[in-house]
C-alpha atoms as a PDB file:
ATOM      1  CA  MET A   1     -75.165  30.690  33.876  1.00  0.00           C
ATOM      2  CA  LYS A   2     -72.563  33.133  32.841  1.00  0.00           C
ATOM      3  CA  LYS A   3     -73.257  35.605  30.165  1.00  0.00           C
ATOM      4  CA  ARG A   4     -70.758  35.932  27.373  1.00  0.00           C
ATOM      5  CA  LYS A   5     -69.377  39.313  26.771  1.00  0.00           C
ATOM      6  CA  GLU A   6     -69.285  40.343  23.079  1.00  0.00           C
ATOM      7  CA  ILE A   7     -66.117  41.914  21.808  1.00  0.00           C
ATOM      8  CA  ASN A   8     -66.227  44.124  18.822  1.00  0.00           C
ATOM      9  CA  ASN A   9     -62.984  43.093  17.034  1.00  0.00           C
ATOM     10  CA  GLN A  10     -62.767  44.757  13.620  1.00  0.00           C
ATOM     11  CA  GLY A  11     -59.094  43.995  12.761  1.00  0.00           C
ATOM     12  CA  PHE A  12     -56.015  46.241  12.703  1.00  0.00           C
ATOM     13  CA  SER A  13     -56.259  49.993  12.896  1.00  0.00           C
ATOM     14  CA  LEU A  14     -54.445  52.060  10.267  1.00  0.00           C
ATOM     15  CA  VAL A  15     -51.792  53.169  12.849  1.00  0.00           C
ATOM     16  CA  GLU A  16     -51.045  49.590  13.816  1.00  0.00           C
ATOM     17  CA  LEU A  17     -50.694  48.609  10.204  1.00  0.00           C
ATOM     18  CA  ILE A  18     -48.281  51.487   9.426  1.00  0.00           C
ATOM     19  CA  VAL A  19     -46.141  50.658  12.499  1.00  0.00           C
ATOM     20  CA  THR A  20     -45.977  46.956  11.492  1.00  0.00           C
ATOM     21  CA  ILE A  21     -44.992  47.795   7.875  1.00  0.00           C
ATOM     22  CA  GLY A  22     -42.345  50.189   9.224  1.00  0.00           C
ATOM     23  CA  ILE A  23     -40.738  47.587  11.544  1.00  0.00           C
ATOM     24  CA  VAL A  24     -40.755  44.909   8.785  1.00  0.00           C
ATOM     25  CA  SER A  25     -39.144  47.370   6.265  1.00  0.00           C
ATOM     26  CA  PHE A  26     -36.438  48.317   8.805  1.00  0.00           C
ATOM     27  CA  LEU A  27     -35.651  44.605   9.404  1.00  0.00           C
ATOM     28  CA  ILE A  28     -35.419  43.944   5.618  1.00  0.00           C
ATOM     29  CA  VAL A  29     -33.116  46.836   5.000  1.00  0.00           C
ATOM     30  CA  GLY A  30     -30.936  45.738   7.879  1.00  0.00           C
ATOM     31  CA  PHE A  31     -30.679  42.258   6.460  1.00  0.00           C
ATOM     32  CA  PHE A  32     -29.568  43.475   3.010  1.00  0.00           C
ATOM     33  CA  VAL A  33     -26.961  45.880   4.485  1.00  0.00           C
ATOM     34  CA  GLY A  34     -25.569  43.063   6.614  1.00  0.00           C
ATOM     35  CA  PHE A  35     -25.612  40.696   3.713  1.00  0.00           C
ATOM     36  CA  ASN A  36     -23.593  43.069   1.514  1.00  0.00           C
ATOM     37  CA  ILE A  37     -21.049  43.608   4.294  1.00  0.00           C
ATOM     38  CA  LEU A  38     -20.641  39.879   4.693  1.00  0.00           C
ATOM     39  CA  THR A  39     -20.317  39.061   0.994  1.00  0.00           C
ATOM     40  CA  ASN A  40     -17.827  41.833   0.128  1.00  0.00           C
ATOM     41  CA  LYS A  41     -20.067  43.094  -2.672  1.00  0.00           C
ATOM     42  CA  SER A  42     -18.404  46.540  -2.598  1.00  0.00           C
ATOM     43  CA  VAL A  43     -14.982  44.934  -3.253  1.00  0.00           C
ATOM     44  CA  GLU A  44     -16.310  43.009  -6.231  1.00  0.00           C
ATOM     45  CA  GLU A  45     -18.090  45.969  -7.693  1.00  0.00           C
ATOM     46  CA  CYS A  46     -14.997  48.182  -7.393  1.00  0.00           C
ATOM     47  CA  ALA A  47     -12.829  45.549  -9.033  1.00  0.00           C
ATOM     48  CA  LYS A  48     -15.271  45.130 -11.974  1.00  0.00           C
ATOM     49  CA  LYS A  49     -15.509  48.896 -12.473  1.00  0.00           C
ATOM     50  CA  MET A  50     -11.774  49.365 -12.432  1.00  0.00           C
ATOM     51  CA  GLN A  51     -11.175  46.507 -14.808  1.00  0.00           C
ATOM     52  CA  SER A  52     -13.899  47.760 -17.136  1.00  0.00           C
ATOM     53  CA  LYS A  53     -12.530  51.315 -17.135  1.00  0.00           C
ATOM     54  CA  MET A  54      -9.004  50.058 -18.008  1.00  0.00           C
ATOM     55  CA  GLU A  55     -10.181  47.754 -20.749  1.00  0.00           C
ATOM     56  CA  ASN A  56     -12.355  50.430 -22.295  1.00  0.00           C
ATOM     57  CA  ASN A  57      -9.486  52.909 -22.084  1.00  0.00           C
ATOM     58  CA  ARG A  58      -7.134  50.461 -23.862  1.00  0.00           C
ATOM     59  CA  THR A  59      -9.652  49.990 -26.672  1.00  0.00           C
ATOM     60  CA  THR A  60     -10.177  53.731 -26.968  1.00  0.00           C
ATOM     61  CA  THR A  61      -6.462  54.288 -27.209  1.00  0.00           C
ATOM     62  CA  MET A  62      -6.051  51.644 -29.861  1.00  0.00           C
ATOM     63  CA  GLY A  63      -8.802  53.405 -31.726  1.00  0.00           C
ATOM     64  CA  LYS A  64      -6.292  56.204 -32.200  1.00  0.00           C
ATOM     65  CA  LEU A  65      -7.568  58.593 -29.552  1.00  0.00           C
ATOM     66  CA  ASN A  66      -5.317  60.051 -26.829  1.00  0.00           C
ATOM     67  CA  SER A  67      -6.573  58.620 -23.657  1.00  0.00           C
ATOM     68  CA  SER A  68      -5.494  58.066 -19.986  1.00  0.00           C
ATOM     69  CA  LEU A  69      -6.993  57.194 -16.576  1.00  0.00           C
ATOM     70  CA  LYS A  70      -6.188  58.627 -13.147  1.00  0.00           C
ATOM     71  CA  PHE A  71      -7.458  56.617 -10.172  1.00  0.00           C
ATOM     72  CA  TYR A  72      -7.477  58.522  -6.820  1.00  0.00           C
ATOM     73  CA  VAL A  73      -9.370  58.853  -3.519  1.00  0.00           C
ATOM     74  CA  SER A  74     -11.385  62.007  -2.886  1.00  0.00           C
ATOM     75  CA  GLY A  75     -14.063  62.665  -0.377  1.00  0.00           C
ATOM     76  CA  GLY A  76     -13.853  59.082   0.928  1.00  0.00           C
ATOM     77  CA  LYS A  77     -14.692  57.678  -2.547  1.00  0.00           C
ATOM     78  CA  ILE A  78     -12.435  56.022  -5.096  1.00  0.00           C
ATOM     79  CA  LYS A  79     -12.741  58.017  -8.273  1.00  0.00           C
ATOM     80  CA  VAL A  80     -11.379  57.911 -11.810  1.00  0.00           C
ATOM     81  CA  ASP A  81     -10.675  60.755 -14.201  1.00  0.00           C
ATOM     82  CA  GLU A  82     -10.902  59.478 -17.814  1.00  0.00           C
ATOM     83  CA  THR A  83      -9.314  61.913 -20.276  1.00  0.00           C
ATOM     84  CA  ILE A  84     -10.007  61.341 -23.964  1.00  0.00           C
ATOM     85  CA  ASP A  85      -8.548  63.890 -26.403  1.00  0.00           C
ATOM     86  CA  GLY A  86      -8.394  66.563 -23.665  1.00  0.00           C
ATOM     87  CA  ASN A  87     -11.958  66.017 -22.366  1.00  0.00           C
ATOM     88  CA  THR A  88     -12.078  64.663 -18.784  1.00  0.00           C
ATOM     89  CA  THR A  89     -14.998  62.860 -17.139  1.00  0.00           C
ATOM     90  CA  THR A  90     -14.982  61.821 -13.447  1.00  0.00           C
ATOM     91  CA  SER A  91     -16.772  58.777 -12.060  1.00  0.00           C
ATOM     92  CA  VAL A  92     -16.894  56.904  -8.854  1.00  0.00           C
ATOM     93  CA  VAL A  93     -15.643  53.276  -8.832  1.00  0.00           C
ATOM     94  CA  GLY A  94     -15.615  52.517  -5.100  1.00  0.00           C
ATOM     95  CA  ASP A  95     -16.672  53.677  -1.629  1.00  0.00           C
ATOM     96  CA  SER A  96     -14.945  54.247   1.665  1.00  0.00           C
ATOM     97  CA  SER A  97     -15.222  50.567   2.702  1.00  0.00           C
ATOM     98  CA  VAL A  98     -12.694  49.588  -0.017  1.00  0.00           C
ATOM     99  CA  VAL A  99      -8.891  50.013   0.073  1.00  0.00           C
ATOM    100  CA  VAL A 100      -6.942  49.919  -3.212  1.00  0.00           C
ATOM    101  CA  THR A 101      -3.189  49.318  -3.386  1.00  0.00           C
ATOM    102  CA  TYR A 102      -1.000  48.843  -6.398  1.00  0.00           C
ATOM    103  CA  ASP A 103       2.469  47.527  -7.363  1.00  0.00           C
ATOM    104  CA  LEU A 104       4.828  49.148  -9.809  1.00  0.00           C
ATOM    105  CA  LYS A 105       7.851  47.286 -11.263  1.00  0.00           C
ATOM    106  CA  ASN A 106      10.698  47.763 -13.670  1.00  0.00           C
ATOM    107  CA  GLY A 107      13.311  45.057 -13.479  1.00  0.00           C
ATOM    108  CA  THR A 108      14.636  45.239  -9.880  1.00  0.00           C
ATOM    109  CA  ASP A 109      13.136  48.698  -9.308  1.00  0.00           C
ATOM    110  CA  GLU A 110       9.877  47.989  -7.496  1.00  0.00           C
ATOM    111  CA  ARG A 111       7.259  49.915  -5.426  1.00  0.00           C
ATOM    112  CA  ASN A 112       4.912  47.456  -3.813  1.00  0.00           C
ATOM    113  CA  GLY A 113       1.744  48.170  -1.925  1.00  0.00           C
ATOM    114  CA  VAL A 114       1.331  51.844  -2.807  1.00  0.00           C
ATOM    115  CA  ASN A 115      -1.945  52.996  -1.310  1.00  0.00           C
ATOM    116  CA  LEU A 116      -4.239  54.821  -3.710  1.00  0.00           C
ATOM    117  CA  SER A 117      -5.339  57.191  -0.934  1.00  0.00           C
ATOM    118  CA  SER A 118      -1.759  58.458  -0.594  1.00  0.00           C
ATOM    119  CA  GLU A 119      -0.755  58.485  -4.311  1.00  0.00           C
ATOM    120  CA  PRO A 120      -2.927  58.493  -7.377  1.00  0.00           C
ATOM    121  CA  LEU A 121      -2.415  55.871 -10.059  1.00  0.00           C
ATOM    122  CA  ILE A 122      -2.120  56.994 -13.719  1.00  0.00           C
ATOM    123  CA  VAL A 123      -2.778  54.284 -16.353  1.00  0.00           C
ATOM    124  CA  SER A 124      -2.293  54.704 -20.172  1.00  0.00           C
ATOM    125  CA  PHE A 125      -1.717  52.384 -23.063  1.00  0.00           C
ATOM    126  CA  ASP A 126       0.356  52.493 -26.266  1.00  0.00           C
ATOM    127  CA  ARG A 127      -1.654  53.622 -29.265  1.00  0.00           C
ATOM    128  CA  ALA A 128      -0.021  51.197 -31.650  1.00  0.00           C
ATOM    129  CA  SER A 129       0.116  47.984 -29.728  1.00  0.00           C
ATOM    130  CA  GLY A 130      -2.249  48.379 -26.764  1.00  0.00           C
ATOM    131  CA  SER A 131       0.661  47.660 -24.381  1.00  0.00           C
ATOM    132  CA  LEU A 132       0.825  49.337 -21.014  1.00  0.00           C
ATOM    133  CA  ASN A 133       2.774  52.594 -20.681  1.00  0.00           C
ATOM    134  CA  LYS A 134       4.917  53.258 -17.638  1.00  0.00           C
ATOM    135  CA  SER A 135       2.732  54.610 -14.829  1.00  0.00           C
ATOM    136  CA  ASP A 136       5.227  56.864 -13.056  1.00  0.00           C
ATOM    137  CA  GLY A 137       7.729  57.456 -15.874  1.00  0.00           C
ATOM    138  CA  SER A 138      10.047  54.563 -14.856  1.00  0.00           C
ATOM    139  CA  ARG A 139       7.921  51.636 -13.628  1.00  0.00           C
ATOM    140  CA  TYR A 140       5.114  49.535 -15.004  1.00  0.00           C
ATOM    141  CA  LEU A 141       1.894  48.750 -13.206  1.00  0.00           C
ATOM    142  CA  THR A 142       1.778  45.049 -12.332  1.00  0.00           C
ATOM    143  CA  TYR A 143      -1.031  44.552  -9.818  1.00  0.00           C
ATOM    144  CA  ILE A 144      -4.045  46.370  -8.405  1.00  0.00           C
ATOM    145  CA  LYS A 145      -5.296  44.887  -5.160  1.00  0.00           C
ATOM    146  CA  ILE A 146      -8.827  45.698  -3.963  1.00  0.00           C
ATOM    147  CA  ALA A 147      -9.726  44.749  -0.387  1.00  0.00           C
ATOM    148  CA  LYS A 148     -12.279  45.492   2.274  1.00  0.00           C
ATOM    149  CA  SER A 149     -10.923  48.130   4.733  1.00  0.00           C
ATOM    150  CA  SER A 150     -12.099  45.879   7.635  1.00  0.00           C
ATOM    151  CA  GLY A 151     -10.338  42.801   6.207  1.00  0.00           C
ATOM    152  CA  GLY A 152     -11.808  39.902   4.289  1.00  0.00           C
ATOM    153  CA  LYS A 153     -11.823  39.202   0.574  1.00  0.00           C
ATOM    154  CA  THR A 154      -9.096  40.613  -1.664  1.00  0.00           C
ATOM    155  CA  ILE A 155      -9.423  40.789  -5.489  1.00  0.00           C
ATOM    156  CA  THR A 156      -6.247  41.279  -7.570  1.00  0.00           C
ATOM    157  CA  LEU A 157      -6.224  42.731 -11.026  1.00  0.00           C
ATOM    158  CA  LYS A 158      -3.099  41.625 -12.877  1.00  0.00           C
ATOM    159  CA  VAL A 159      -1.948  43.772 -15.728  1.00  0.00           C
ATOM    160  CA  ASP A 160       0.321  42.353 -18.461  1.00  0.00           C
ATOM    161  CA  LYS A 161       2.565  45.095 -19.639  1.00  0.00           C
ATOM    162  CA  LEU A 162       3.130  43.654 -23.156  1.00  0.00           C
ATOM    163  CA  SER A 163      -0.459  43.017 -24.198  1.00  0.00           C
ATOM    164  CA  GLY A 164      -2.167  45.441 -21.802  1.00  0.00           C
ATOM    165  CA  ARG A 165      -4.647  42.771 -20.807  1.00  0.00           C
ATOM    166  CA  ILE A 166      -6.242  42.898 -17.347  1.00  0.00           C
ATOM    167  CA  SER A 167      -7.097  39.616 -15.612  1.00  0.00           C
ATOM    168  CA  VAL A 168      -8.723  38.901 -12.247  1.00  0.00           C
ATOM    169  CA  GLU A 169      -6.870  36.679  -9.779  1.00  0.00           C
END
C-alpha cells in the first residue's frame, strides 16, 4: 500500500494576496478608462460645462452685473476666464482629448470652424435683454462644436442671438 503524503496547505500568503489585488485593480482601472474613451464622456462633460457657464453668465449679466466669458486653450486644457465686475476667475471645462470650434455670423459675413486653440472665444450678453453681444465686434456667435480629437461624437451648442438661449443639438 502507498502512503499518502500530507500537504500543509494554509491558504494564500500575504504577498500572493497583495499581487492578486494589484492585478485586479489594474484591470478595473483599464476597463473604466477604455469605457470613457468609447463613450465620449469627455465631450459630454465639456459641452455641459460650457453650456452651464454661458447660461450662468447670461443670468449674472441680466442681474445688472458686468460680466463676460473668454474660452481658450492653455496647457492642453480648455479653460474659461469668467469676469464679473472686474474680478476674474479661471476654471477648466475640457481636456486635451476634446476639440472645440465655433462659428461666427453677421448676415453674409461668416467665419466658420474657428478652432479655439488658435483663437479664443469671447462671449457676453446684453444687460437689458439677455441677448447675445457680438463676439468679435462685428459677428455673432452661432454655434459651438465640441468633438473628440480622435473623431467620434460631436455635440453642438446652438446660441440664439436674440434671446441668448443655448440649446444642445
